[in-house]
């Protein structure tokens, strides 16, 4: 495999490895050997080291003294901790949109995502469905206008993707439920009803956490 765009090489390597961690091809506690990655991808060892630091920041890799990098473990405690934190950040974004939207055009990106979610549900395309679930957050970033919140969410997204992938099959059965929840969320945002936004997103995060923990227990 040959990479281009040297200025983003480490990011590309990080994405390459992240995809394999998220899909389960690289298992928890499995070592990631710099030399093997360097040879397999025909890149420099320095770029691989930088990529591993990116993955450590994104909670997919642990870099241990004298042992190097290994895939981070996915435990019940980590799943619950991640879901609790993401729930509060989702609520911050939802509140920001509710407080700052001014015209129907401001809500148009969310309605477009809702239509794509409906299409993905009809085609049972769970991967596209999950992708657009995260796109809801990105559409909300301009309303929050908080670079620290955005950076934190982006760094946590790969870890969230990993938990979503673990529960993909269970999520197929809950796609319709999520569509209903998203409709209620849009209604709450349009009405600028902050307590209802918290209730809807809290319900969503609890349901998502339960799905992931069920899948984790079945492994």
N, C-alpha and C. Protein backbone atom coordinates (compact mmCIF):
# COMPACT_ATOMS: atom_id res chain seq x y z
N UNK A 1 0.86 -1.19 0.00
CA UNK A 1 0.00 0.00 0.00
C UNK A 1 0.89 1.24 0.00
N UNK A 2 0.58 2.22 -0.83
CA UNK A 2 1.36 3.44 -0.93
C UNK A 2 0.50 4.64 -0.57
N UNK A 3 1.03 5.49 0.32
CA UNK A 3 0.30 6.67 0.73
C UNK A 3 0.84 7.90 0.02
N UNK A 4 -0.03 8.89 -0.14
CA UNK A 4 0.37 10.17 -0.72
C UNK A 4 0.13 11.27 0.32
N UNK A 5 0.31 12.51 -0.11
CA UNK A 5 0.12 13.66 0.77
C UNK A 5 0.96 13.55 2.03
N UNK A 6 2.30 13.77 1.92
CA UNK A 6 3.21 13.61 3.05
C UNK A 6 2.81 14.42 4.28
N UNK A 7 2.17 15.59 4.07
CA UNK A 7 1.83 16.42 5.23
C UNK A 7 0.77 15.78 6.11
N UNK A 8 0.04 14.77 5.61
CA UNK A 8 -0.97 14.09 6.42
C UNK A 8 -0.72 12.59 6.51
N UNK A 9 0.53 12.20 6.32
CA UNK A 9 0.87 10.78 6.29
C UNK A 9 0.56 10.09 7.61
N UNK A 10 0.96 10.70 8.72
CA UNK A 10 0.72 10.07 10.03
C UNK A 10 -0.78 9.89 10.27
N UNK A 11 -1.58 10.88 9.84
CA UNK A 11 -3.03 10.78 10.01
C UNK A 11 -3.59 9.64 9.17
N UNK A 12 -3.06 9.46 7.97
CA UNK A 12 -3.53 8.36 7.10
C UNK A 12 -3.17 7.01 7.71
N UNK A 13 -1.97 6.91 8.25
CA UNK A 13 -1.55 5.65 8.89
C UNK A 13 -2.43 5.38 10.11
N UNK A 14 -2.69 6.44 10.88
CA UNK A 14 -3.55 6.29 12.06
C UNK A 14 -4.93 5.79 11.66
N UNK A 15 -5.49 6.34 10.58
CA UNK A 15 -6.81 5.91 10.11
C UNK A 15 -6.79 4.46 9.65
N UNK A 16 -5.70 4.08 8.96
CA UNK A 16 -5.54 2.70 8.49
C UNK A 16 -5.57 1.73 9.68
N UNK A 17 -4.83 2.06 10.73
CA UNK A 17 -4.79 1.19 11.91
C UNK A 17 -6.10 1.27 12.69
N UNK A 18 -6.68 2.47 12.76
CA UNK A 18 -7.93 2.63 13.49
C UNK A 18 -9.04 1.77 12.89
N UNK A 19 -9.11 1.73 11.57
CA UNK A 19 -10.14 0.92 10.91
C UNK A 19 -10.03 -0.55 11.32
N UNK A 20 -8.81 -1.02 11.50
CA UNK A 20 -8.60 -2.42 11.87
C UNK A 20 -8.87 -2.68 13.34
N UNK A 21 -8.67 -1.67 14.15
CA UNK A 21 -9.02 -1.81 15.56
C UNK A 21 -10.53 -1.78 15.74
N UNK A 22 -11.17 -0.82 15.07
CA UNK A 22 -12.62 -0.66 15.18
C UNK A 22 -13.36 -1.90 14.68
N UNK A 23 -12.86 -2.49 13.59
CA UNK A 23 -13.53 -3.68 13.03
C UNK A 23 -13.23 -4.95 13.81
N UNK A 24 -12.25 -4.90 14.71
CA UNK A 24 -11.89 -6.09 15.49
C UNK A 24 -10.81 -6.93 14.85
N UNK A 25 -10.29 -6.49 13.70
CA UNK A 25 -9.20 -7.23 13.06
C UNK A 25 -7.96 -7.23 13.97
N UNK A 26 -7.73 -6.10 14.64
CA UNK A 26 -6.70 -6.02 15.68
C UNK A 26 -7.41 -6.11 17.02
N UNK A 27 -7.06 -7.11 17.81
CA UNK A 27 -7.79 -7.41 19.03
C UNK A 27 -7.23 -6.65 20.23
N UNK A 28 -8.06 -6.46 21.29
CA UNK A 28 -7.58 -5.80 22.51
C UNK A 28 -6.32 -6.47 23.05
N UNK A 29 -5.37 -5.66 23.47
CA UNK A 29 -4.04 -6.02 24.01
C UNK A 29 -3.08 -6.54 22.95
N UNK A 30 -3.52 -6.65 21.69
CA UNK A 30 -2.61 -7.09 20.64
C UNK A 30 -1.56 -6.02 20.38
N UNK A 31 -0.30 -6.44 20.29
CA UNK A 31 0.79 -5.48 20.07
C UNK A 31 0.78 -4.97 18.62
N UNK A 32 1.10 -3.71 18.48
CA UNK A 32 1.27 -3.11 17.16
C UNK A 32 2.76 -2.82 16.99
N UNK A 33 3.44 -3.61 16.20
CA UNK A 33 4.89 -3.49 16.06
C UNK A 33 5.23 -2.47 14.98
N UNK A 34 5.98 -1.45 15.37
CA UNK A 34 6.32 -0.37 14.46
C UNK A 34 6.99 -0.89 13.19
N UNK A 35 7.92 -1.82 13.35
CA UNK A 35 8.67 -2.30 12.18
C UNK A 35 7.77 -2.99 11.18
N UNK A 36 6.83 -3.79 11.67
CA UNK A 36 5.92 -4.50 10.78
C UNK A 36 5.02 -3.52 10.03
N UNK A 37 4.54 -2.51 10.74
CA UNK A 37 3.68 -1.51 10.09
C UNK A 37 4.48 -0.74 9.05
N UNK A 38 5.71 -0.39 9.41
CA UNK A 38 6.59 0.34 8.50
C UNK A 38 6.79 -0.44 7.20
N UNK A 39 7.07 -1.73 7.33
CA UNK A 39 7.31 -2.56 6.15
C UNK A 39 6.03 -2.81 5.36
N UNK A 40 4.94 -3.04 6.06
CA UNK A 40 3.68 -3.35 5.38
C UNK A 40 3.16 -2.16 4.57
N UNK A 41 3.37 -0.95 5.07
CA UNK A 41 2.81 0.23 4.43
C UNK A 41 3.84 1.03 3.64
N UNK A 42 5.08 0.60 3.74
CA UNK A 42 6.16 1.29 3.01
C UNK A 42 6.23 2.77 3.41
N UNK A 43 6.29 2.99 4.73
CA UNK A 43 6.38 4.34 5.27
C UNK A 43 7.52 4.39 6.28
N UNK A 44 7.86 5.58 6.74
CA UNK A 44 8.96 5.72 7.69
C UNK A 44 8.52 5.33 9.09
N UNK A 45 9.48 4.93 9.90
CA UNK A 45 9.18 4.55 11.27
C UNK A 45 8.72 5.76 12.08
N UNK A 46 9.27 6.94 11.76
CA UNK A 46 8.86 8.15 12.45
C UNK A 46 7.39 8.46 12.22
N UNK A 47 6.91 8.24 11.00
CA UNK A 47 5.50 8.47 10.69
C UNK A 47 4.61 7.49 11.45
N UNK A 48 5.08 6.25 11.59
CA UNK A 48 4.31 5.25 12.33
C UNK A 48 4.24 5.63 13.81
N UNK A 49 5.34 6.10 14.36
CA UNK A 49 5.35 6.53 15.76
C UNK A 49 4.36 7.67 15.98
N UNK A 50 4.36 8.61 15.06
CA UNK A 50 3.44 9.74 15.16
C UNK A 50 1.99 9.26 15.06
N UNK A 51 1.74 8.30 14.18
CA UNK A 51 0.39 7.74 14.03
C UNK A 51 -0.06 7.05 15.31
N UNK A 52 0.85 6.35 15.97
CA UNK A 52 0.50 5.67 17.22
C UNK A 52 0.18 6.67 18.33
N UNK A 53 0.86 7.79 18.34
CA UNK A 53 0.55 8.85 19.32
C UNK A 53 -0.85 9.41 19.06
N UNK A 54 -1.20 9.54 17.78
CA UNK A 54 -2.56 9.99 17.43
C UNK A 54 -3.58 8.98 17.95
N UNK A 55 -3.31 7.70 17.76
CA UNK A 55 -4.24 6.66 18.20
C UNK A 55 -4.32 6.58 19.72
N UNK A 56 -3.23 6.89 20.40
CA UNK A 56 -3.26 6.93 21.85
C UNK A 56 -4.17 8.05 22.32
N UNK A 57 -4.08 9.21 21.67
CA UNK A 57 -4.93 10.35 22.00
C UNK A 57 -6.39 10.03 21.74
N UNK A 58 -6.64 9.13 20.80
CA UNK A 58 -8.01 8.75 20.45
C UNK A 58 -8.48 7.50 21.18
N UNK A 59 -7.70 7.06 22.15
CA UNK A 59 -8.09 5.99 23.07
C UNK A 59 -8.26 4.62 22.40
N UNK A 60 -7.55 4.42 21.29
CA UNK A 60 -7.58 3.12 20.64
C UNK A 60 -6.31 2.32 20.93
N UNK A 61 -5.27 2.99 21.36
CA UNK A 61 -3.97 2.36 21.59
C UNK A 61 -3.42 2.82 22.94
N UNK A 62 -2.76 1.90 23.64
CA UNK A 62 -1.99 2.24 24.83
C UNK A 62 -0.51 2.08 24.49
N UNK A 63 0.29 3.07 24.86
CA UNK A 63 1.73 2.98 24.65
C UNK A 63 2.38 2.78 26.01
N UNK A 64 2.97 1.61 26.19
CA UNK A 64 3.48 1.20 27.49
C UNK A 64 5.01 1.26 27.52
N UNK A 65 5.61 1.69 28.63
CA UNK A 65 7.07 1.74 28.74
C UNK A 65 7.71 0.37 28.49
N UNK A 66 8.67 0.35 27.63
CA UNK A 66 9.47 -0.85 27.29
C UNK A 66 8.66 -1.95 26.62
N UNK A 67 7.37 -1.71 26.37
CA UNK A 67 6.54 -2.73 25.71
C UNK A 67 5.97 -2.23 24.39
N UNK A 68 6.03 -0.94 24.17
CA UNK A 68 5.51 -0.40 22.92
C UNK A 68 4.01 -0.22 22.92
N UNK A 69 3.44 -0.21 21.73
CA UNK A 69 2.01 0.07 21.56
C UNK A 69 1.20 -1.21 21.50
N UNK A 70 0.03 -1.17 22.10
CA UNK A 70 -0.91 -2.28 21.99
C UNK A 70 -2.33 -1.73 21.93
N UNK A 71 -3.21 -2.52 21.34
CA UNK A 71 -4.62 -2.11 21.23
C UNK A 71 -5.21 -2.02 22.63
N UNK A 72 -5.89 -0.92 22.90
CA UNK A 72 -6.47 -0.73 24.24
C UNK A 72 -7.60 -1.72 24.48
N UNK A 73 -7.78 -2.05 25.74
CA UNK A 73 -8.86 -2.96 26.11
C UNK A 73 -10.20 -2.24 26.07
N UNK A 74 -11.26 -3.01 25.86
CA UNK A 74 -12.61 -2.47 25.86
C UNK A 74 -13.38 -3.17 26.99
N UNK A 75 -13.48 -2.50 28.13
CA UNK A 75 -14.10 -3.08 29.31
C UNK A 75 -15.45 -2.44 29.59
N UNK A 76 -16.22 -3.05 30.48
CA UNK A 76 -17.51 -2.50 30.86
C UNK A 76 -17.34 -1.10 31.46
N UNK A 77 -16.31 -0.95 32.30
CA UNK A 77 -16.07 0.35 32.93
C UNK A 77 -15.78 1.43 31.88
N UNK A 78 -14.96 1.09 30.89
CA UNK A 78 -14.64 2.06 29.84
C UNK A 78 -15.87 2.42 29.02
N UNK A 79 -16.69 1.41 28.71
CA UNK A 79 -17.90 1.67 27.92
C UNK A 79 -18.84 2.60 28.69
N UNK A 80 -19.07 2.30 29.95
CA UNK A 80 -19.97 3.14 30.74
C UNK A 80 -19.42 4.56 30.89
N UNK A 81 -18.11 4.67 31.11
CA UNK A 81 -17.49 5.98 31.27
C UNK A 81 -17.62 6.79 29.99
N UNK A 82 -17.39 6.14 28.86
CA UNK A 82 -17.48 6.82 27.57
C UNK A 82 -18.90 7.27 27.29
N UNK A 83 -19.87 6.40 27.55
CA UNK A 83 -21.27 6.74 27.29
C UNK A 83 -21.72 7.91 28.17
N UNK A 84 -21.28 7.91 29.43
CA UNK A 84 -21.66 9.00 30.34
C UNK A 84 -21.12 10.34 29.85
N UNK A 85 -19.86 10.34 29.43
CA UNK A 85 -19.25 11.58 28.95
C UNK A 85 -19.88 12.05 27.64
N UNK A 86 -20.06 11.12 26.70
CA UNK A 86 -20.63 11.50 25.41
C UNK A 86 -22.06 12.01 25.58
N UNK A 87 -22.80 11.46 26.52
CA UNK A 87 -24.16 11.92 26.76
C UNK A 87 -24.18 13.40 27.10
N UNK A 88 -23.28 13.82 27.97
CA UNK A 88 -23.25 15.23 28.35
C UNK A 88 -22.81 16.12 27.19
N UNK A 89 -21.89 15.63 26.36
CA UNK A 89 -21.45 16.44 25.22
C UNK A 89 -22.53 16.53 24.15
N UNK A 90 -23.28 15.44 23.95
CA UNK A 90 -24.41 15.50 23.03
C UNK A 90 -25.42 16.55 23.49
N UNK A 91 -25.66 16.58 24.79
CA UNK A 91 -26.63 17.53 25.34
C UNK A 91 -26.14 18.96 25.14
N UNK A 92 -24.85 19.19 25.35
CA UNK A 92 -24.28 20.53 25.11
C UNK A 92 -24.53 20.96 23.66
N UNK A 93 -24.30 20.04 22.72
CA UNK A 93 -24.51 20.37 21.31
C UNK A 93 -25.99 20.61 21.01
N UNK A 94 -26.84 19.74 21.53
CA UNK A 94 -28.28 19.91 21.30
C UNK A 94 -28.79 21.22 21.85
N UNK A 95 -28.33 21.59 23.04
CA UNK A 95 -28.75 22.86 23.64
C UNK A 95 -28.26 24.05 22.80
N UNK A 96 -27.03 23.93 22.29
CA UNK A 96 -26.46 25.03 21.49
C UNK A 96 -27.30 25.28 20.24
N UNK A 97 -27.71 24.20 19.57
CA UNK A 97 -28.54 24.36 18.38
C UNK A 97 -29.89 24.98 18.76
N UNK A 98 -30.48 24.47 19.83
CA UNK A 98 -31.79 24.97 20.26
C UNK A 98 -31.75 26.46 20.60
N UNK A 99 -30.68 26.89 21.22
CA UNK A 99 -30.59 28.27 21.66
C UNK A 99 -30.21 29.24 20.54
N UNK A 100 -29.56 28.72 19.47
CA UNK A 100 -28.97 29.64 18.50
C UNK A 100 -29.52 29.55 17.08
N UNK A 101 -30.38 28.56 16.79
CA UNK A 101 -30.91 28.54 15.43
C UNK A 101 -31.85 29.73 15.26
N UNK A 102 -31.82 30.30 14.06
CA UNK A 102 -32.59 31.52 13.82
C UNK A 102 -33.60 31.39 12.69
N UNK A 103 -33.30 30.55 11.72
CA UNK A 103 -34.22 30.39 10.59
C UNK A 103 -34.30 28.92 10.21
N UNK A 104 -35.28 28.61 9.38
CA UNK A 104 -35.45 27.22 8.96
C UNK A 104 -34.22 26.69 8.23
N UNK A 105 -33.49 27.57 7.55
CA UNK A 105 -32.29 27.13 6.84
C UNK A 105 -31.22 26.63 7.81
N UNK A 106 -31.22 27.12 9.05
CA UNK A 106 -30.26 26.65 10.05
C UNK A 106 -30.51 25.18 10.40
N UNK A 107 -31.77 24.77 10.31
CA UNK A 107 -32.13 23.38 10.66
C UNK A 107 -32.09 22.45 9.45
N UNK A 108 -31.89 23.01 8.26
CA UNK A 108 -31.90 22.20 7.03
C UNK A 108 -30.89 21.05 7.05
N UNK A 109 -29.65 21.24 7.56
CA UNK A 109 -28.71 20.11 7.58
C UNK A 109 -29.21 18.93 8.40
N UNK A 110 -29.92 19.21 9.48
CA UNK A 110 -30.43 18.14 10.33
C UNK A 110 -31.59 17.41 9.65
N UNK A 111 -32.40 18.14 8.92
CA UNK A 111 -33.50 17.51 8.18
C UNK A 111 -32.95 16.64 7.04
N UNK A 112 -31.85 17.09 6.43
CA UNK A 112 -31.21 16.29 5.37
C UNK A 112 -30.66 15.00 5.95
N UNK A 113 -30.05 15.08 7.13
CA UNK A 113 -29.53 13.88 7.80
C UNK A 113 -30.68 12.94 8.15
N UNK A 114 -31.79 13.52 8.61
CA UNK A 114 -32.95 12.70 8.94
C UNK A 114 -33.43 11.91 7.72
N UNK A 115 -33.44 12.55 6.55
CA UNK A 115 -33.85 11.85 5.33
C UNK A 115 -32.87 10.73 4.98
N UNK A 116 -31.58 11.00 5.16
CA UNK A 116 -30.58 9.95 4.87
C UNK A 116 -30.71 8.79 5.85
N UNK A 117 -30.99 9.10 7.10
CA UNK A 117 -31.18 8.04 8.09
C UNK A 117 -32.37 7.17 7.72
N UNK A 118 -33.44 7.79 7.25
CA UNK A 118 -34.63 7.05 6.83
C UNK A 118 -34.29 6.13 5.65
N UNK A 119 -33.51 6.64 4.69
CA UNK A 119 -33.12 5.83 3.54
C UNK A 119 -32.24 4.67 3.97
N UNK A 120 -31.32 4.93 4.89
CA UNK A 120 -30.44 3.86 5.38
C UNK A 120 -31.24 2.79 6.11
N UNK A 121 -32.25 3.23 6.85
CA UNK A 121 -33.12 2.28 7.56
C UNK A 121 -33.87 1.41 6.57
N UNK A 122 -34.40 2.02 5.51
CA UNK A 122 -35.16 1.27 4.52
C UNK A 122 -34.28 0.26 3.79
N UNK A 123 -33.01 0.60 3.59
CA UNK A 123 -32.08 -0.31 2.91
C UNK A 123 -31.30 -1.19 3.89
N UNK A 124 -31.58 -1.02 5.19
CA UNK A 124 -30.87 -1.75 6.24
C UNK A 124 -29.34 -1.59 6.10
N UNK A 125 -28.94 -0.37 5.77
CA UNK A 125 -27.51 -0.04 5.64
C UNK A 125 -27.03 0.51 6.97
N UNK A 126 -26.60 -0.38 7.86
CA UNK A 126 -26.27 0.02 9.22
C UNK A 126 -25.02 0.89 9.27
N UNK A 127 -24.05 0.65 8.37
CA UNK A 127 -22.83 1.44 8.39
C UNK A 127 -23.12 2.90 8.03
N UNK A 128 -23.92 3.12 7.00
CA UNK A 128 -24.30 4.49 6.62
C UNK A 128 -25.13 5.13 7.73
N UNK A 129 -25.96 4.32 8.38
CA UNK A 129 -26.81 4.82 9.46
C UNK A 129 -25.95 5.33 10.61
N UNK A 130 -24.94 4.54 10.99
CA UNK A 130 -24.04 4.94 12.07
C UNK A 130 -23.25 6.19 11.69
N UNK A 131 -22.77 6.23 10.44
CA UNK A 131 -22.00 7.40 9.98
C UNK A 131 -22.82 8.68 10.12
N UNK A 132 -24.09 8.61 9.71
CA UNK A 132 -24.92 9.81 9.78
C UNK A 132 -25.32 10.14 11.22
N UNK A 133 -25.32 9.16 12.08
CA UNK A 133 -25.57 9.44 13.50
C UNK A 133 -24.49 10.37 14.04
N UNK A 134 -23.24 10.14 13.60
CA UNK A 134 -22.14 11.02 14.01
C UNK A 134 -22.19 12.35 13.27
N UNK A 135 -22.72 12.35 12.05
CA UNK A 135 -22.80 13.60 11.30
C UNK A 135 -23.76 14.60 11.95
N UNK A 136 -24.68 14.09 12.74
CA UNK A 136 -25.57 14.99 13.49
C UNK A 136 -24.73 15.90 14.39
N UNK A 137 -23.74 15.32 15.06
CA UNK A 137 -22.87 16.11 15.93
C UNK A 137 -22.12 17.16 15.14
N UNK A 138 -21.57 16.75 13.99
CA UNK A 138 -20.77 17.69 13.20
C UNK A 138 -21.62 18.85 12.68
N UNK A 139 -22.87 18.57 12.38
CA UNK A 139 -23.76 19.64 11.93
C UNK A 139 -24.03 20.64 13.06
N UNK A 140 -23.86 20.17 14.30
CA UNK A 140 -24.13 21.04 15.46
C UNK A 140 -22.92 21.86 15.88
N UNK A 141 -21.73 21.50 15.41
CA UNK A 141 -20.52 22.20 15.84
C UNK A 141 -20.59 23.73 15.66
N UNK A 142 -21.04 24.22 14.49
CA UNK A 142 -21.04 25.68 14.30
C UNK A 142 -21.92 26.42 15.32
N UNK A 143 -22.96 25.77 15.80
CA UNK A 143 -23.84 26.41 16.78
C UNK A 143 -23.16 26.50 18.14
N UNK A 144 -22.42 25.45 18.50
CA UNK A 144 -21.70 25.46 19.78
C UNK A 144 -20.52 26.42 19.73
N UNK A 145 -19.84 26.48 18.58
CA UNK A 145 -18.70 27.37 18.40
C UNK A 145 -17.70 27.22 19.55
N UNK A 146 -17.39 25.97 19.85
CA UNK A 146 -16.50 25.65 20.98
C UNK A 146 -15.42 24.70 20.48
N UNK A 147 -14.23 25.21 20.16
CA UNK A 147 -13.19 24.35 19.59
C UNK A 147 -12.74 23.24 20.53
N UNK A 148 -12.82 23.47 21.84
CA UNK A 148 -12.41 22.44 22.79
C UNK A 148 -13.41 21.29 22.82
N UNK A 149 -14.68 21.64 22.78
CA UNK A 149 -15.72 20.61 22.73
C UNK A 149 -15.59 19.80 21.44
N UNK A 150 -15.40 20.49 20.33
CA UNK A 150 -15.27 19.81 19.04
C UNK A 150 -14.06 18.89 19.02
N UNK A 151 -12.93 19.37 19.51
CA UNK A 151 -11.72 18.55 19.52
C UNK A 151 -11.90 17.31 20.39
N UNK A 152 -12.54 17.50 21.54
CA UNK A 152 -12.76 16.36 22.45
C UNK A 152 -13.64 15.31 21.81
N UNK A 153 -14.72 15.74 21.17
CA UNK A 153 -15.62 14.79 20.52
C UNK A 153 -14.92 14.07 19.38
N UNK A 154 -14.16 14.81 18.57
CA UNK A 154 -13.47 14.18 17.44
C UNK A 154 -12.44 13.15 17.92
N UNK A 155 -11.78 13.44 19.03
CA UNK A 155 -10.80 12.49 19.57
C UNK A 155 -11.48 11.26 20.18
N UNK A 156 -12.71 11.44 20.66
CA UNK A 156 -13.43 10.31 21.25
C UNK A 156 -14.23 9.51 20.23
N UNK A 157 -14.46 10.10 19.05
CA UNK A 157 -15.31 9.42 18.07
C UNK A 157 -14.79 8.05 17.68
N UNK A 158 -13.46 7.85 17.43
CA UNK A 158 -13.01 6.49 17.09
C UNK A 158 -13.35 5.47 18.17
N UNK A 159 -13.24 5.86 19.44
CA UNK A 159 -13.60 4.95 20.51
C UNK A 159 -15.09 4.65 20.49
N UNK A 160 -15.91 5.68 20.18
CA UNK A 160 -17.34 5.46 20.05
C UNK A 160 -17.64 4.56 18.85
N UNK A 161 -16.94 4.79 17.74
CA UNK A 161 -17.12 3.94 16.56
C UNK A 161 -16.83 2.49 16.89
N UNK A 162 -15.82 2.29 17.70
CA UNK A 162 -15.44 0.92 18.09
C UNK A 162 -16.58 0.24 18.85
N UNK A 163 -17.21 0.98 19.76
CA UNK A 163 -18.32 0.39 20.50
C UNK A 163 -19.53 0.19 19.60
N UNK A 164 -19.77 1.12 18.67
CA UNK A 164 -20.88 0.97 17.73
C UNK A 164 -20.69 -0.27 16.87
N UNK A 165 -19.47 -0.45 16.38
CA UNK A 165 -19.19 -1.60 15.51
C UNK A 165 -19.44 -2.90 16.26
N UNK A 166 -19.09 -2.91 17.54
CA UNK A 166 -19.28 -4.11 18.36
C UNK A 166 -20.75 -4.51 18.42
N UNK A 167 -21.62 -3.50 18.39
CA UNK A 167 -23.06 -3.76 18.55
C UNK A 167 -23.84 -3.56 17.26
N UNK A 168 -23.18 -3.72 16.11
CA UNK A 168 -23.85 -3.45 14.83
C UNK A 168 -25.10 -4.30 14.65
N UNK A 169 -24.99 -5.59 14.90
CA UNK A 169 -26.14 -6.47 14.67
C UNK A 169 -27.32 -6.09 15.56
N UNK A 170 -27.01 -5.79 16.85
CA UNK A 170 -28.09 -5.37 17.74
C UNK A 170 -28.69 -4.04 17.28
N UNK A 171 -27.87 -3.18 16.69
CA UNK A 171 -28.35 -1.87 16.27
C UNK A 171 -29.31 -1.96 15.09
N UNK A 172 -29.18 -3.02 14.28
CA UNK A 172 -30.12 -3.16 13.17
C UNK A 172 -31.56 -3.19 13.67
N UNK A 173 -31.75 -3.86 14.80
CA UNK A 173 -33.10 -3.96 15.36
C UNK A 173 -33.56 -2.65 15.98
N UNK A 174 -32.63 -1.74 16.26
CA UNK A 174 -33.00 -0.50 16.95
C UNK A 174 -32.96 0.72 16.04
N UNK A 175 -32.76 0.51 14.73
CA UNK A 175 -32.70 1.65 13.81
C UNK A 175 -34.01 2.43 13.80
N UNK A 176 -35.12 1.73 13.78
CA UNK A 176 -36.42 2.41 13.79
C UNK A 176 -36.63 3.18 15.07
N UNK A 177 -36.17 2.61 16.17
CA UNK A 177 -36.27 3.27 17.47
C UNK A 177 -35.45 4.57 17.46
N UNK A 178 -34.26 4.51 16.86
CA UNK A 178 -33.42 5.70 16.80
C UNK A 178 -34.06 6.78 15.92
N UNK A 179 -34.67 6.37 14.82
CA UNK A 179 -35.34 7.35 13.95
C UNK A 179 -36.44 8.09 14.71
N UNK A 180 -37.20 7.35 15.51
CA UNK A 180 -38.25 7.97 16.32
C UNK A 180 -37.64 8.94 17.33
N UNK A 181 -36.54 8.52 17.93
CA UNK A 181 -35.86 9.36 18.91
C UNK A 181 -35.33 10.64 18.26
N UNK A 182 -34.77 10.50 17.05
CA UNK A 182 -34.22 11.67 16.36
C UNK A 182 -35.33 12.65 15.99
N UNK A 183 -36.48 12.12 15.63
CA UNK A 183 -37.62 12.98 15.33
C UNK A 183 -38.03 13.76 16.57
N UNK A 184 -38.04 13.08 17.71
CA UNK A 184 -38.38 13.77 18.97
C UNK A 184 -37.32 14.80 19.34
N UNK A 185 -36.05 14.48 19.03
CA UNK A 185 -34.98 15.42 19.32
C UNK A 185 -35.12 16.69 18.48
N UNK A 186 -35.41 16.51 17.19
CA UNK A 186 -35.59 17.67 16.32
C UNK A 186 -36.77 18.53 16.79
N UNK A 187 -37.82 17.89 17.24
CA UNK A 187 -38.98 18.63 17.74
C UNK A 187 -38.61 19.43 18.99
N UNK A 188 -37.81 18.83 19.86
CA UNK A 188 -37.38 19.52 21.09
C UNK A 188 -36.46 20.68 20.77
N UNK A 189 -35.55 20.48 19.80
CA UNK A 189 -34.64 21.55 19.39
C UNK A 189 -35.43 22.70 18.77
N UNK A 190 -36.36 22.37 17.89
CA UNK A 190 -37.17 23.40 17.24
C UNK A 190 -37.96 24.22 18.27
N UNK A 191 -38.44 23.52 19.31
CA UNK A 191 -39.22 24.19 20.36
C UNK A 191 -38.33 24.85 21.42
N UNK A 192 -37.02 24.71 21.27
CA UNK A 192 -36.04 25.23 22.25
C UNK A 192 -36.34 24.72 23.66
N UNK A 193 -36.71 23.44 23.72
CA UNK A 193 -37.10 22.81 24.99
C UNK A 193 -35.88 22.06 25.55
N UNK A 194 -35.07 22.75 26.35
CA UNK A 194 -33.82 22.17 26.85
C UNK A 194 -34.04 20.96 27.76
N UNK A 195 -35.00 20.96 28.69
CA UNK A 195 -35.22 19.76 29.51
C UNK A 195 -35.58 18.53 28.66
N UNK A 196 -36.40 18.76 27.62
CA UNK A 196 -36.77 17.61 26.77
C UNK A 196 -35.56 17.12 25.97
N UNK A 197 -34.68 18.02 25.54
CA UNK A 197 -33.45 17.61 24.84
C UNK A 197 -32.63 16.70 25.74
N UNK A 198 -32.48 17.07 27.00
CA UNK A 198 -31.73 16.24 27.94
C UNK A 198 -32.39 14.87 28.10
N UNK A 199 -33.70 14.85 28.22
CA UNK A 199 -34.40 13.57 28.39
C UNK A 199 -34.21 12.67 27.17
N UNK A 200 -34.38 13.23 25.97
CA UNK A 200 -34.29 12.43 24.75
C UNK A 200 -32.87 11.89 24.56
N UNK A 201 -31.88 12.75 24.73
CA UNK A 201 -30.50 12.31 24.53
C UNK A 201 -30.04 11.38 25.64
N UNK A 202 -30.53 11.60 26.84
CA UNK A 202 -30.21 10.68 27.93
C UNK A 202 -30.76 9.29 27.65
N UNK A 203 -31.97 9.24 27.13
CA UNK A 203 -32.58 7.96 26.76
C UNK A 203 -31.77 7.27 25.66
N UNK A 204 -31.37 8.04 24.67
CA UNK A 204 -30.58 7.48 23.57
C UNK A 204 -29.26 6.89 24.07
N UNK A 205 -28.57 7.63 24.91
CA UNK A 205 -27.26 7.16 25.38
C UNK A 205 -27.39 5.94 26.28
N UNK A 206 -28.43 5.90 27.09
CA UNK A 206 -28.65 4.72 27.93
C UNK A 206 -28.93 3.49 27.08
N UNK A 207 -29.74 3.67 26.04
CA UNK A 207 -30.06 2.56 25.14
C UNK A 207 -28.81 2.09 24.40
N UNK A 208 -28.02 3.03 23.91
CA UNK A 208 -26.80 2.68 23.19
C UNK A 208 -25.84 1.93 24.10
N UNK A 209 -25.69 2.42 25.32
CA UNK A 209 -24.79 1.78 26.27
C UNK A 209 -25.22 0.34 26.55
N UNK A 210 -26.52 0.14 26.71
CA UNK A 210 -27.04 -1.20 26.99
C UNK A 210 -26.74 -2.15 25.82
N UNK A 211 -26.88 -1.67 24.59
CA UNK A 211 -26.59 -2.49 23.42
C UNK A 211 -25.12 -2.91 23.38
N UNK A 212 -24.24 -1.96 23.65
CA UNK A 212 -22.81 -2.25 23.61
C UNK A 212 -22.42 -3.24 24.71
N UNK A 213 -22.95 -3.01 25.92
CA UNK A 213 -22.61 -3.91 27.03
C UNK A 213 -23.13 -5.32 26.79
N UNK A 214 -24.30 -5.42 26.15
CA UNK A 214 -24.83 -6.72 25.80
C UNK A 214 -23.92 -7.43 24.81
N UNK A 215 -23.45 -6.70 23.81
CA UNK A 215 -22.55 -7.28 22.81
C UNK A 215 -21.20 -7.65 23.44
N UNK A 216 -20.73 -6.82 24.36
CA UNK A 216 -19.46 -7.08 25.03
C UNK A 216 -19.54 -8.34 25.88
N UNK A 217 -20.66 -8.51 26.56
CA UNK A 217 -20.85 -9.69 27.41
C UNK A 217 -20.95 -10.97 26.60
N UNK A 218 -21.41 -10.84 25.35
CA UNK A 218 -21.60 -12.03 24.50
C UNK A 218 -20.32 -12.47 23.80
N UNK A 219 -19.26 -11.68 23.91
CA UNK A 219 -18.01 -12.02 23.21
C UNK A 219 -17.33 -13.24 23.83
